[in-house]
Amino acid sequence: MQRRKFLQMSSLGASGWIINPTFNLRNKTVTKPLVITTWETGIAANEAAWRILSADGRALDAVEKGVMVTEDSINCCVGLGANPDRDGIVTLDASIMDEYGNGGAVAGLERIKHPISVARKVMENTPHVLLVGAGAQEFAVQQGFPLEPQKLSEDAEAEYKKWLKTSQYNPVINVENGRAKAGGESAFAPMKLSNGAWNHDTIGMLAIDVKGNLSGSCTTSGMAFKVRGRVGDSPCIGAGLYVDNEIGAAVSTGLGEEVIKTAGTFLTVEFMRQGYPPEAACKAAVERVIKRNSVDKAKTIQVAYIALNKNGQTGAYAIQKGFNYAVYSNDRKNELVSSKTAF
């Protein structure tokens, strides 16, 4: 009964956005340029993206260069400094989309520092969208990317050794707001920055440039200590990232399997096509995840979306408390915002 009541209330709330939307895409008032990025690590990434956008650069260049800052960070759960899979190997996934609806992605990529840049090469230099594993690495080397040493960072090695003591696959889903779920402390928890803030294993970025064009990027090391070969939502166009230059763009973070099963970012953009503001679109997509699970199960997972529409309006929504995102524009100087949540 509780689940039925929740879904009925959610349905009523969503329909209210359709009946009385707060914007429409014919509105000629556009906020541009603008960049929006998941998590607190988005602050530094936004700085790099903004340097391009504020110089009248292309949104695609901004979303690539922005997340490269995070990939460069050796103390972050994104990039080669991240926690490995259960075999002790770091594998990276990334995707990118431009204003023409083109997309490129890589998955299970090893020993390459910037998977987002390889994803762009896939988009621009091949007829394909997604390259994986050894083939992705071979392509990267052919494109001039150097192979980095196969060596865990100091932090990742320490976390991996702790995990090996039990080898239990028990992710702490909602550490973002300091509330570890059932199972207590775990090596699955993200590492902390020197200022005590959590780092996260995915960064997604969306931007609109001075010409009003949209692009997006998403890069990740995936779940720590995952099954060898596991791929989440981040490199999957329509799940981890989706861009429609006529309507808007969305990116996801959280439990990738749930995002994939609901085609989450494509769904979010389609809600915006129906007239939903970005926040309402993200909320409706999150509610789709909750709907396909029991409420009790949904309370044990985290999925979050950020969205940007053609008018330069932004929004976000998450299942659990603790998700935040960074917005940078002429009016919003790299502002960190806490997302609204279902629970």
C-alpha atoms as a PDB file:
ATOM      1  CA  MET A   1       0.000   0.000   0.000  1.00  0.00           C
ATOM      2  CA  GLN A   2       2.868   2.373   0.796  1.00  0.00           C
ATOM      3  CA  ARG A   3       4.428   1.686  -2.581  1.00  0.00           C
ATOM      4  CA  ARG A   4       1.080   2.240  -4.359  1.00  0.00           C
ATOM      5  CA  LYS A   5       0.513   5.507  -2.510  1.00  0.00           C
ATOM      6  CA  PHE A   6       4.030   6.705  -3.348  1.00  0.00           C
ATOM      7  CA  LEU A   7       3.627   5.934  -7.038  1.00  0.00           C
ATOM      8  CA  GLN A   8       0.212   7.587  -7.180  1.00  0.00           C
ATOM      9  CA  MET A   9       1.634  10.738  -5.601  1.00  0.00           C
ATOM     10  CA  SER A  10       4.617  10.662  -7.966  1.00  0.00           C
ATOM     11  CA  SER A  11       2.329  10.318 -10.972  1.00  0.00           C
ATOM     12  CA  LEU A  12       0.245  13.277  -9.873  1.00  0.00           C
ATOM     13  CA  GLY A  13       3.345  15.375  -9.319  1.00  0.00           C
ATOM     14  CA  ALA A  14       4.760  14.570 -12.745  1.00  0.00           C
ATOM     15  CA  SER A  15       1.501  15.272 -14.531  1.00  0.00           C
ATOM     16  CA  GLY A  16       1.382  18.682 -12.924  1.00  0.00           C
ATOM     17  CA  TRP A  17       4.512  19.621 -14.834  1.00  0.00           C
ATOM     18  CA  ILE A  18       2.859  18.714 -18.130  1.00  0.00           C
ATOM     19  CA  ILE A  19      -0.345  20.616 -17.428  1.00  0.00           C
ATOM     20  CA  ASN A  20       1.391  23.756 -16.219  1.00  0.00           C
ATOM     21  CA  PRO A  21       5.039  23.760 -17.338  1.00  0.00           C
ATOM     22  CA  THR A  22       7.202  26.619 -16.156  1.00  0.00           C
ATOM     23  CA  PHE A  23       8.879  27.041 -19.524  1.00  0.00           C
ATOM     24  CA  ASN A  24       8.659  26.065 -23.144  1.00  0.00           C
ATOM     25  CA  LEU A  25      11.388  25.545 -25.695  1.00  0.00           C
ATOM     26  CA  ARG A  26      10.128  28.399 -27.860  1.00  0.00           C
ATOM     27  CA  ASN A  27      11.186  30.823 -25.157  1.00  0.00           C
ATOM     28  CA  LYS A  28      13.910  32.956 -26.735  1.00  0.00           C
ATOM     29  CA  THR A  29      15.536  33.828 -23.415  1.00  0.00           C
ATOM     30  CA  VAL A  30      18.605  31.602 -23.322  1.00  0.00           C
ATOM     31  CA  THR A  31      21.264  31.375 -20.627  1.00  0.00           C
ATOM     32  CA  LYS A  32      24.559  30.784 -22.392  1.00  0.00           C
ATOM     33  CA  PRO A  33      27.229  29.810 -22.109  1.00  0.00           C
ATOM     34  CA  LEU A  34      26.773  27.433 -19.171  1.00  0.00           C
ATOM     35  CA  VAL A  35      28.296  24.220 -17.838  1.00  0.00           C
ATOM     36  CA  ILE A  36      26.833  21.807 -15.281  1.00  0.00           C
ATOM     37  CA  THR A  37      28.742  18.876 -13.771  1.00  0.00           C
ATOM     38  CA  THR A  38      28.050  16.103 -11.276  1.00  0.00           C
ATOM     39  CA  TRP A  39      29.505  16.107  -7.771  1.00  0.00           C
ATOM     40  CA  GLU A  40      31.830  18.488  -5.951  1.00  0.00           C
ATOM     41  CA  THR A  41      34.703  17.410  -8.196  1.00  0.00           C
ATOM     42  CA  GLY A  42      32.765  19.275 -10.878  1.00  0.00           C
ATOM     43  CA  ILE A  43      33.987  22.576  -9.423  1.00  0.00           C
ATOM     44  CA  ALA A  44      37.525  22.085 -10.752  1.00  0.00           C
ATOM     45  CA  ALA A  45      36.259  20.511 -13.971  1.00  0.00           C
ATOM     46  CA  ASN A  46      33.937  23.467 -14.570  1.00  0.00           C
ATOM     47  CA  GLU A  47      36.847  25.896 -14.293  1.00  0.00           C
ATOM     48  CA  ALA A  48      38.573  24.233 -17.236  1.00  0.00           C
ATOM     49  CA  ALA A  49      35.364  24.033 -19.249  1.00  0.00           C
ATOM     50  CA  TRP A  50      34.533  27.666 -18.532  1.00  0.00           C
ATOM     51  CA  ARG A  51      37.844  28.880 -19.908  1.00  0.00           C
ATOM     52  CA  ILE A  52      36.754  27.488 -23.267  1.00  0.00           C
ATOM     53  CA  LEU A  53      33.108  28.554 -23.092  1.00  0.00           C
ATOM     54  CA  SER A  54      33.865  32.105 -21.949  1.00  0.00           C
ATOM     55  CA  ALA A  55      36.204  32.506 -24.921  1.00  0.00           C
ATOM     56  CA  ASP A  56      33.316  31.631 -27.271  1.00  0.00           C
ATOM     57  CA  GLY A  57      34.602  28.093 -27.676  1.00  0.00           C
ATOM     58  CA  ARG A  58      32.657  25.019 -28.678  1.00  0.00           C
ATOM     59  CA  ALA A  59      30.680  23.088 -26.056  1.00  0.00           C
ATOM     60  CA  LEU A  60      32.237  19.815 -27.251  1.00  0.00           C
ATOM     61  CA  ASP A  61      35.754  21.080 -26.503  1.00  0.00           C
ATOM     62  CA  ALA A  62      34.595  22.309 -23.106  1.00  0.00           C
ATOM     63  CA  VAL A  63      33.076  19.002 -21.978  1.00  0.00           C
ATOM     64  CA  GLU A  64      36.164  17.093 -23.070  1.00  0.00           C
ATOM     65  CA  LYS A  65      38.720  19.376 -21.439  1.00  0.00           C
ATOM     66  CA  GLY A  66      36.591  19.788 -18.324  1.00  0.00           C
ATOM     67  CA  VAL A  67      36.423  16.124 -17.326  1.00  0.00           C
ATOM     68  CA  MET A  68      40.070  15.605 -18.268  1.00  0.00           C
ATOM     69  CA  VAL A  69      40.855  17.561 -15.103  1.00  0.00           C
ATOM     70  CA  THR A  70      39.171  14.824 -13.074  1.00  0.00           C
ATOM     71  CA  GLU A  71      40.814  12.046 -15.079  1.00  0.00           C
ATOM     72  CA  ASP A  72      44.174  13.696 -14.293  1.00  0.00           C
ATOM     73  CA  SER A  73      43.607  13.545 -10.539  1.00  0.00           C
ATOM     74  CA  ILE A  74      45.546  10.637  -9.079  1.00  0.00           C
ATOM     75  CA  ASN A  75      43.613  10.880  -5.801  1.00  0.00           C
ATOM     76  CA  CYS A  76      40.227  10.542  -7.428  1.00  0.00           C
ATOM     77  CA  CYS A  77      37.964   7.583  -8.141  1.00  0.00           C
ATOM     78  CA  VAL A  78      37.983   8.561 -11.814  1.00  0.00           C
ATOM     79  CA  GLY A  79      40.946   7.743 -14.028  1.00  0.00           C
ATOM     80  CA  LEU A  80      43.999   5.550 -13.592  1.00  0.00           C
ATOM     81  CA  GLY A  81      44.308   6.407  -9.897  1.00  0.00           C
ATOM     82  CA  ALA A  82      40.965   4.729  -9.192  1.00  0.00           C
ATOM     83  CA  ASN A  83      40.107   1.514  -7.410  1.00  0.00           C
ATOM     84  CA  PRO A  84      40.555  -1.589  -9.591  1.00  0.00           C
ATOM     85  CA  ASP A  85      38.252  -4.469 -10.457  1.00  0.00           C
ATOM     86  CA  ARG A  86      38.398  -7.638  -8.356  1.00  0.00           C
ATOM     87  CA  ASP A  87      41.392  -8.855 -10.372  1.00  0.00           C
ATOM     88  CA  GLY A  88      43.359  -5.756  -9.374  1.00  0.00           C
ATOM     89  CA  ILE A  89      43.189  -4.038 -12.768  1.00  0.00           C
ATOM     90  CA  VAL A  90      41.884  -0.510 -13.382  1.00  0.00           C
ATOM     91  CA  THR A  91      39.496  -0.327 -16.335  1.00  0.00           C
ATOM     92  CA  LEU A  92      37.967   2.908 -17.584  1.00  0.00           C
ATOM     93  CA  ASP A  93      34.763   3.816 -19.453  1.00  0.00           C
ATOM     94  CA  ALA A  94      33.753   7.082 -21.121  1.00  0.00           C
ATOM     95  CA  SER A  95      31.326   8.597 -23.607  1.00  0.00           C
ATOM     96  CA  ILE A  96      30.931  11.917 -25.395  1.00  0.00           C
ATOM     97  CA  MET A  97      28.263  13.475 -27.640  1.00  0.00           C
ATOM     98  CA  ASP A  98      28.285  16.599 -29.795  1.00  0.00           C
ATOM     99  CA  GLU A  99      25.615  18.991 -31.043  1.00  0.00           C
ATOM    100  CA  TYR A 100      25.004  16.928 -34.174  1.00  0.00           C
ATOM    101  CA  GLY A 101      23.931  13.853 -32.240  1.00  0.00           C
ATOM    102  CA  ASN A 102      27.221  12.077 -32.894  1.00  0.00           C
ATOM    103  CA  GLY A 103      28.574   9.925 -30.106  1.00  0.00           C
ATOM    104  CA  GLY A 104      31.706   8.007 -29.228  1.00  0.00           C
ATOM    105  CA  ALA A 105      32.537   5.731 -26.308  1.00  0.00           C
ATOM    106  CA  VAL A 106      35.043   3.294 -24.863  1.00  0.00           C
ATOM    107  CA  ALA A 107      34.633   0.598 -22.213  1.00  0.00           C
ATOM    108  CA  GLY A 108      37.030  -1.628 -20.310  1.00  0.00           C
ATOM    109  CA  LEU A 109      39.942   0.554 -21.434  1.00  0.00           C
ATOM    110  CA  GLU A 110      43.257  -0.116 -19.672  1.00  0.00           C
ATOM    111  CA  ARG A 111      46.439   1.967 -19.270  1.00  0.00           C
ATOM    112  CA  ILE A 112      45.147   5.063 -21.093  1.00  0.00           C
ATOM    113  CA  LYS A 113      45.067   8.264 -19.069  1.00  0.00           C
ATOM    114  CA  HIS A 114      42.228  10.077 -20.840  1.00  0.00           C
ATOM    115  CA  PRO A 115      39.430   7.744 -21.951  1.00  0.00           C
ATOM    116  CA  ILE A 116      37.204  10.743 -22.733  1.00  0.00           C
ATOM    117  CA  SER A 117      39.624  11.842 -25.452  1.00  0.00           C
ATOM    118  CA  VAL A 118      39.728   8.320 -26.885  1.00  0.00           C
ATOM    119  CA  ALA A 119      35.917   8.344 -26.927  1.00  0.00           C
ATOM    120  CA  ARG A 120      36.038  11.552 -28.968  1.00  0.00           C
ATOM    121  CA  LYS A 121      38.454   9.936 -31.424  1.00  0.00           C
ATOM    122  CA  VAL A 122      36.041   7.008 -31.782  1.00  0.00           C
ATOM    123  CA  MET A 123      33.290   9.510 -32.606  1.00  0.00           C
ATOM    124  CA  GLU A 124      35.340  11.548 -35.067  1.00  0.00           C
ATOM    125  CA  ASN A 125      37.686   8.996 -36.656  1.00  0.00           C
ATOM    126  CA  THR A 126      35.636   5.794 -36.955  1.00  0.00           C
ATOM    127  CA  PRO A 127      32.180   4.811 -38.243  1.00  0.00           C
ATOM    128  CA  HIS A 128      31.484   3.245 -34.822  1.00  0.00           C
ATOM    129  CA  VAL A 129      30.153   4.422 -31.478  1.00  0.00           C
ATOM    130  CA  LEU A 130      31.657   2.043 -28.910  1.00  0.00           C
ATOM    131  CA  LEU A 131      35.018   0.259 -28.719  1.00  0.00           C
ATOM    132  CA  VAL A 132      35.850  -2.068 -25.827  1.00  0.00           C
ATOM    133  CA  GLY A 133      38.738  -3.810 -24.103  1.00  0.00           C
ATOM    134  CA  ALA A 134      41.888  -4.690 -26.031  1.00  0.00           C
ATOM    135  CA  GLY A 135      40.459  -3.259 -29.243  1.00  0.00           C
ATOM    136  CA  ALA A 136      39.820   0.086 -27.575  1.00  0.00           C
ATOM    137  CA  GLN A 137      43.354   0.146 -26.232  1.00  0.00           C
ATOM    138  CA  GLU A 138      44.837  -0.758 -29.614  1.00  0.00           C
ATOM    139  CA  PHE A 139      42.825   2.022 -31.250  1.00  0.00           C
ATOM    140  CA  ALA A 140      43.990   4.508 -28.612  1.00  0.00           C
ATOM    141  CA  VAL A 141      47.639   3.666 -29.228  1.00  0.00           C
ATOM    142  CA  GLN A 142      47.108   3.997 -32.987  1.00  0.00           C
ATOM    143  CA  GLN A 143      45.651   7.447 -32.339  1.00  0.00           C
ATOM    144  CA  GLY A 144      48.799   8.496 -30.465  1.00  0.00           C
ATOM    145  CA  PHE A 145      47.805   7.931 -26.831  1.00  0.00           C
ATOM    146  CA  PRO A 146      50.702   6.562 -24.761  1.00  0.00           C
ATOM    147  CA  LEU A 147      50.332   3.422 -22.649  1.00  0.00           C
ATOM    148  CA  GLU A 148      50.701   4.264 -18.975  1.00  0.00           C
ATOM    149  CA  PRO A 149      52.323   1.849 -16.480  1.00  0.00           C
ATOM    150  CA  GLN A 150      50.075  -0.951 -15.189  1.00  0.00           C
ATOM    151  CA  LYS A 151      50.387   0.100 -11.574  1.00  0.00           C
ATOM    152  CA  LEU A 152      47.836   0.919  -8.896  1.00  0.00           C
ATOM    153  CA  SER A 153      47.986   4.284  -7.193  1.00  0.00           C
ATOM    154  CA  GLU A 154      49.023   4.242  -3.545  1.00  0.00           C
ATOM    155  CA  ASP A 155      45.472   4.843  -2.317  1.00  0.00           C
ATOM    156  CA  ALA A 156      43.925   2.286  -4.650  1.00  0.00           C
ATOM    157  CA  GLU A 157      46.465  -0.362  -3.689  1.00  0.00           C
ATOM    158  CA  ALA A 158      45.710   0.170   0.000  1.00  0.00           C
ATOM    159  CA  GLU A 159      41.945  -0.087  -0.633  1.00  0.00           C
ATOM    160  CA  TYR A 160      42.393  -3.198  -2.760  1.00  0.00           C
ATOM    161  CA  LYS A 161      44.450  -4.948  -0.082  1.00  0.00           C
ATOM    162  CA  LYS A 162      41.731  -4.178   2.469  1.00  0.00           C
ATOM    163  CA  TRP A 163      39.094  -5.567   0.140  1.00  0.00           C
ATOM    164  CA  LEU A 164      41.065  -8.772  -0.464  1.00  0.00           C
ATOM    165  CA  LYS A 165      40.781  -9.680   3.228  1.00  0.00           C
ATOM    166  CA  THR A 166      37.095 -10.488   2.745  1.00  0.00           C
ATOM    167  CA  SER A 167      36.570 -10.187  -1.038  1.00  0.00           C
ATOM    168  CA  GLN A 168      32.956  -9.272  -0.357  1.00  0.00           C
ATOM    169  CA  TYR A 169      31.053  -7.386  -3.018  1.00  0.00           C
ATOM    170  CA  ASN A 170      29.170  -5.087  -0.646  1.00  0.00           C
ATOM    171  CA  PRO A 171      29.008  -1.540  -2.030  1.00  0.00           C
ATOM    172  CA  VAL A 172      28.159   1.325   0.299  1.00  0.00           C
ATOM    173  CA  ILE A 173      25.599   2.945  -1.966  1.00  0.00           C
ATOM    174  CA  ASN A 174      24.841   6.144  -0.114  1.00  0.00           C
ATOM    175  CA  VAL A 175      28.094   7.306   1.452  1.00  0.00           C
ATOM    176  CA  GLU A 176      27.589  10.686  -0.261  1.00  0.00           C
ATOM    177  CA  ASN A 177      25.740  12.120   2.713  1.00  0.00           C
ATOM    178  CA  GLY A 178      27.739  10.244   5.331  1.00  0.00           C
ATOM    179  CA  ARG A 179      25.103   7.555   5.932  1.00  0.00           C
ATOM    180  CA  ALA A 180      26.566   4.146   5.185  1.00  0.00           C
ATOM    181  CA  LYS A 181      23.883   1.621   4.330  1.00  0.00           C
ATOM    182  CA  ALA A 182      23.566  -1.865   5.824  1.00  0.00           C
ATOM    183  CA  GLY A 183      26.943  -3.522   6.012  1.00  0.00           C
ATOM    184  CA  GLY A 184      28.763  -0.659   7.682  1.00  0.00           C
ATOM    185  CA  GLU A 185      32.163   0.624   6.630  1.00  0.00           C
ATOM    186  CA  SER A 186      33.569  -0.880   3.473  1.00  0.00           C
ATOM    187  CA  ALA A 187      36.523  -0.504   1.160  1.00  0.00           C
ATOM    188  CA  PHE A 188      33.856   0.242  -1.425  1.00  0.00           C
ATOM    189  CA  ALA A 189      33.441   3.736   0.002  1.00  0.00           C
ATOM    190  CA  PRO A 190      34.883   6.515  -2.176  1.00  0.00           C
ATOM    191  CA  MET A 191      38.167   8.070  -1.055  1.00  0.00           C
ATOM    192  CA  LYS A 192      38.193  11.489   0.602  1.00  0.00           C
ATOM    193  CA  LEU A 193      39.889  14.612  -0.617  1.00  0.00           C
ATOM    194  CA  SER A 194      42.238  16.503   1.675  1.00  0.00           C
ATOM    195  CA  ASN A 195      39.369  18.822   2.630  1.00  0.00           C
ATOM    196  CA  GLY A 196      37.249  15.870   3.749  1.00  0.00           C
ATOM    197  CA  ALA A 197      34.904  15.921   0.748  1.00  0.00           C
ATOM    198  CA  TRP A 198      34.010  12.648  -0.947  1.00  0.00           C
ATOM    199  CA  ASN A 199      35.338  11.778  -4.355  1.00  0.00           C
ATOM    200  CA  HIS A 200      33.142   9.731  -6.666  1.00  0.00           C
ATOM    201  CA  ASP A 201      33.681   7.183  -9.387  1.00  0.00           C
ATOM    202  CA  THR A 202      31.825   9.060 -12.157  1.00  0.00           C
ATOM    203  CA  ILE A 203      31.889  12.599 -13.469  1.00  0.00           C
ATOM    204  CA  GLY A 204      29.383  13.796 -16.047  1.00  0.00           C
ATOM    205  CA  MET A 205      29.337  17.222 -17.696  1.00  0.00           C
ATOM    206  CA  LEU A 206      26.874  19.090 -19.931  1.00  0.00           C
ATOM    207  CA  ALA A 207      27.452  22.443 -21.635  1.00  0.00           C
ATOM    208  CA  ILE A 208      25.769  24.994 -23.882  1.00  0.00           C
ATOM    209  CA  ASP A 209      28.030  27.379 -25.785  1.00  0.00           C
ATOM    210  CA  VAL A 210      27.499  30.933 -27.056  1.00  0.00           C
ATOM    211  CA  LYS A 211      25.988  29.585 -30.281  1.00  0.00           C
ATOM    212  CA  GLY A 212      23.394  27.700 -28.256  1.00  0.00           C
ATOM    213  CA  ASN A 213      24.829  24.276 -29.086  1.00  0.00           C
ATOM    214  CA  LEU A 214      24.843  21.442 -26.551  1.00  0.00           C
ATOM    215  CA  SER A 215      27.392  18.714 -25.836  1.00  0.00           C
ATOM    216  CA  GLY A 216      28.050  16.268 -23.022  1.00  0.00           C
ATOM    217  CA  SER A 217      30.644  13.906 -21.573  1.00  0.00           C
ATOM    218  CA  CYS A 218      30.845  11.170 -18.961  1.00  0.00           C
ATOM    219  CA  THR A 219      33.898   9.317 -17.631  1.00  0.00           C
ATOM    220  CA  THR A 220      34.347   6.708 -14.920  1.00  0.00           C
ATOM    221  CA  SER A 221      36.407   3.863 -13.494  1.00  0.00           C
ATOM    222  CA  GLY A 222      33.194   2.001 -12.737  1.00  0.00           C
ATOM    223  CA  MET A 223      32.417   0.241  -9.481  1.00  0.00           C
ATOM    224  CA  ALA A 224      35.393  -0.610  -7.325  1.00  0.00           C
ATOM    225  CA  PHE A 225      36.200  -4.344  -7.204  1.00  0.00           C
ATOM    226  CA  LYS A 226      33.612  -5.069  -9.890  1.00  0.00           C
ATOM    227  CA  VAL A 227      33.481  -8.375 -11.736  1.00  0.00           C
ATOM    228  CA  ARG A 228      36.109  -8.413 -14.460  1.00  0.00           C
ATOM    229  CA  GLY A 229      34.473  -7.115 -17.637  1.00  0.00           C
ATOM    230  CA  ARG A 230      31.593  -5.317 -15.939  1.00  0.00           C
ATOM    231  CA  VAL A 231      30.452  -2.196 -17.797  1.00  0.00           C
ATOM    232  CA  GLY A 232      28.047   0.317 -16.306  1.00  0.00           C
ATOM    233  CA  ASP A 233      25.956   3.069 -17.826  1.00  0.00           C
ATOM    234  CA  SER A 234      28.634   5.701 -18.431  1.00  0.00           C
ATOM    235  CA  PRO A 235      29.769   4.575 -21.913  1.00  0.00           C
ATOM    236  CA  CYS A 236      26.235   3.659 -23.013  1.00  0.00           C
ATOM    237  CA  ILE A 237      24.643   6.389 -25.136  1.00  0.00           C
ATOM    238  CA  GLY A 238      21.105   6.920 -23.879  1.00  0.00           C
ATOM    239  CA  ALA A 239      21.929   5.554 -20.430  1.00  0.00           C
ATOM    240  CA  GLY A 240      24.904   7.418 -18.992  1.00  0.00           C
ATOM    241  CA  LEU A 241      24.711  10.319 -21.455  1.00  0.00           C
ATOM    242  CA  TYR A 242      22.340  11.695 -24.079  1.00  0.00           C
ATOM    243  CA  VAL A 243      22.325  14.933 -26.096  1.00  0.00           C
ATOM    244  CA  ASP A 244      19.601  16.203 -28.429  1.00  0.00           C
ATOM    245  CA  ASN A 245      20.570  19.655 -29.645  1.00  0.00           C
ATOM    246  CA  GLU A 246      16.935  20.612 -30.346  1.00  0.00           C
ATOM    247  CA  ILE A 247      15.775  19.824 -26.813  1.00  0.00           C
ATOM    248  CA  GLY A 248      18.471  19.305 -24.175  1.00  0.00           C
ATOM    249  CA  ALA A 249      20.957  16.928 -22.610  1.00  0.00           C
ATOM    250  CA  ALA A 250      21.255  14.713 -19.549  1.00  0.00           C
ATOM    251  CA  VAL A 251      23.889  12.703 -17.719  1.00  0.00           C
ATOM    252  CA  SER A 252      23.622  10.140 -14.924  1.00  0.00           C
ATOM    253  CA  THR A 253      25.539   8.921 -11.902  1.00  0.00           C
ATOM    254  CA  GLY A 254      24.895   6.134  -9.434  1.00  0.00           C
ATOM    255  CA  LEU A 255      24.074   2.441  -9.902  1.00  0.00           C
ATOM    256  CA  GLY A 256      24.644   1.989 -13.616  1.00  0.00           C
ATOM    257  CA  GLU A 257      22.639  -1.196 -13.973  1.00  0.00           C
ATOM    258  CA  GLU A 258      19.446   0.622 -12.978  1.00  0.00           C
ATOM    259  CA  VAL A 259      20.180   3.482 -15.375  1.00  0.00           C
ATOM    260  CA  ILE A 260      20.768   1.079 -18.251  1.00  0.00           C
ATOM    261  CA  LYS A 261      17.527  -0.803 -17.587  1.00  0.00           C
ATOM    262  CA  THR A 262      15.516   2.418 -17.858  1.00  0.00           C
ATOM    263  CA  ALA A 263      17.530   4.161 -20.632  1.00  0.00           C
ATOM    264  CA  GLY A 264      17.748   6.954 -18.106  1.00  0.00           C
ATOM    265  CA  THR A 265      19.288   9.917 -19.908  1.00  0.00           C
ATOM    266  CA  PHE A 266      17.355   9.318 -23.130  1.00  0.00           C
ATOM    267  CA  LEU A 267      14.216   9.169 -20.997  1.00  0.00           C
ATOM    268  CA  THR A 268      15.117  12.424 -19.256  1.00  0.00           C
ATOM    269  CA  VAL A 269      15.560  14.234 -22.567  1.00  0.00           C
ATOM    270  CA  GLU A 270      12.293  12.798 -23.858  1.00  0.00           C
ATOM    271  CA  PHE A 271      10.507  14.167 -20.797  1.00  0.00           C
ATOM    272  CA  MET A 272      11.973  17.576 -21.619  1.00  0.00           C
ATOM    273  CA  ARG A 273      10.683  17.159 -25.171  1.00  0.00           C
ATOM    274  CA  GLN A 274       7.205  16.766 -23.658  1.00  0.00           C
ATOM    275  CA  GLY A 275       7.582  20.105 -21.891  1.00  0.00           C
ATOM    276  CA  TYR A 276       9.022  19.141 -18.526  1.00  0.00           C
ATOM    277  CA  PRO A 277      11.541  21.569 -17.017  1.00  0.00           C
ATOM    278  CA  PRO A 278      14.939  19.927 -16.420  1.00  0.00           C
ATOM    279  CA  GLU A 279      14.375  19.224 -12.723  1.00  0.00           C
ATOM    280  CA  ALA A 280      10.981  17.676 -13.363  1.00  0.00           C
ATOM    281  CA  ALA A 281      12.427  15.575 -16.189  1.00  0.00           C
ATOM    282  CA  CYS A 282      15.149  14.253 -13.895  1.00  0.00           C
ATOM    283  CA  LYS A 283      12.550  13.564 -11.201  1.00  0.00           C
ATOM    284  CA  ALA A 284      10.365  11.605 -13.613  1.00  0.00           C
ATOM    285  CA  ALA A 285      13.345   9.522 -14.743  1.00  0.00           C
ATOM    286  CA  VAL A 286      14.300   8.777 -11.133  1.00  0.00           C
ATOM    287  CA  GLU A 287      10.710   7.771 -10.412  1.00  0.00           C
ATOM    288  CA  ARG A 288      10.900   5.289 -13.292  1.00  0.00           C
ATOM    289  CA  VAL A 289      13.796   3.594 -11.462  1.00  0.00           C
ATOM    290  CA  ILE A 290      11.814   3.542  -8.230  1.00  0.00           C
ATOM    291  CA  LYS A 291       8.742   2.196 -10.017  1.00  0.00           C
ATOM    292  CA  ARG A 292      10.533  -0.861 -11.383  1.00  0.00           C
ATOM    293  CA  ASN A 293      11.801  -1.670  -7.875  1.00  0.00           C
ATOM    294  CA  SER A 294      10.052  -1.870  -4.546  1.00  0.00           C
ATOM    295  CA  VAL A 295      10.285   1.310  -2.494  1.00  0.00           C
ATOM    296  CA  ASP A 296      12.311  -0.590   0.108  1.00  0.00           C
ATOM    297  CA  LYS A 297      14.820  -1.704  -2.509  1.00  0.00           C
ATOM    298  CA  ALA A 298      14.952   1.754  -4.065  1.00  0.00           C
ATOM    299  CA  LYS A 299      15.950   3.153  -0.683  1.00  0.00           C
ATOM    300  CA  THR A 300      19.137   1.050  -0.829  1.00  0.00           C
ATOM    301  CA  ILE A 301      20.400   2.357  -4.178  1.00  0.00           C
ATOM    302  CA  GLN A 302      21.428   5.694  -5.606  1.00  0.00           C
ATOM    303  CA  VAL A 303      20.653   7.033  -9.063  1.00  0.00           C
ATOM    304  CA  ALA A 304      20.884  10.709  -9.956  1.00  0.00           C
ATOM    305  CA  TYR A 305      20.503  12.815 -13.094  1.00  0.00           C
ATOM    306  CA  ILE A 306      21.444  16.310 -14.139  1.00  0.00           C
ATOM    307  CA  ALA A 307      19.858  17.961 -17.163  1.00  0.00           C
ATOM    308  CA  LEU A 308      20.292  21.064 -19.307  1.00  0.00           C
ATOM    309  CA  ASN A 309      17.728  22.274 -21.813  1.00  0.00           C
ATOM    310  CA  LYS A 310      18.066  24.379 -24.950  1.00  0.00           C
ATOM    311  CA  ASN A 311      17.124  27.493 -22.962  1.00  0.00           C
ATOM    312  CA  GLY A 312      20.128  27.033 -20.699  1.00  0.00           C
ATOM    313  CA  GLN A 313      17.931  25.955 -17.775  1.00  0.00           C
ATOM    314  CA  THR A 314      19.316  23.298 -15.464  1.00  0.00           C
ATOM    315  CA  GLY A 315      17.971  20.787 -12.986  1.00  0.00           C
ATOM    316  CA  ALA A 316      18.754  17.597 -11.104  1.00  0.00           C
ATOM    317  CA  TYR A 317      17.120  14.896  -9.031  1.00  0.00           C
ATOM    318  CA  ALA A 318      18.309  11.849  -7.081  1.00  0.00           C
ATOM    319  CA  ILE A 319      16.904   8.902  -5.171  1.00  0.00           C
ATOM    320  CA  GLN A 320      18.976   9.518  -2.044  1.00  0.00           C
ATOM    321  CA  LYS A 321      20.144  12.619  -0.229  1.00  0.00           C
ATOM    322  CA  GLY A 322      23.742  13.686  -0.666  1.00  0.00           C
ATOM    323  CA  PHE A 323      23.978  14.214  -4.427  1.00  0.00           C
ATOM    324  CA  ASN A 324      25.266  17.609  -5.526  1.00  0.00           C
ATOM    325  CA  TYR A 325      26.334  19.266  -8.744  1.00  0.00           C
ATOM    326  CA  ALA A 326      28.223  22.367  -9.891  1.00  0.00           C
ATOM    327  CA  VAL A 327      26.898  25.074 -12.246  1.00  0.00           C
ATOM    328  CA  TYR A 328      29.001  27.771 -13.897  1.00  0.00           C
ATOM    329  CA  SER A 329      27.636  30.627 -16.032  1.00  0.00           C
ATOM    330  CA  ASN A 330      27.919  34.389 -16.188  1.00  0.00           C
ATOM    331  CA  ASP A 331      25.249  34.558 -13.494  1.00  0.00           C
ATOM    332  CA  ARG A 332      26.216  31.501 -11.443  1.00  0.00           C
ATOM    333  CA  LYS A 333      29.913  31.515 -10.660  1.00  0.00           C
ATOM    334  CA  ASN A 334      30.644  27.814 -10.167  1.00  0.00           C
ATOM    335  CA  GLU A 335      27.869  27.302  -7.662  1.00  0.00           C
ATOM    336  CA  LEU A 336      27.596  23.948  -5.842  1.00  0.00           C
ATOM    337  CA  VAL A 337      23.943  22.882  -5.552  1.00  0.00           C
ATOM    338  CA  SER A 338      22.360  20.101  -3.506  1.00  0.00           C
ATOM    339  CA  SER A 339      19.871  18.065  -5.500  1.00  0.00           C
ATOM    340  CA  LYS A 340      16.292  17.423  -4.500  1.00  0.00           C
ATOM    341  CA  THR A 341      15.619  13.776  -3.732  1.00  0.00           C
ATOM    342  CA  ALA A 342      12.906  11.145  -3.591  1.00  0.00           C
ATOM    343  CA  PHE A 343      13.766  10.053  -0.040  1.00  0.00           C
END
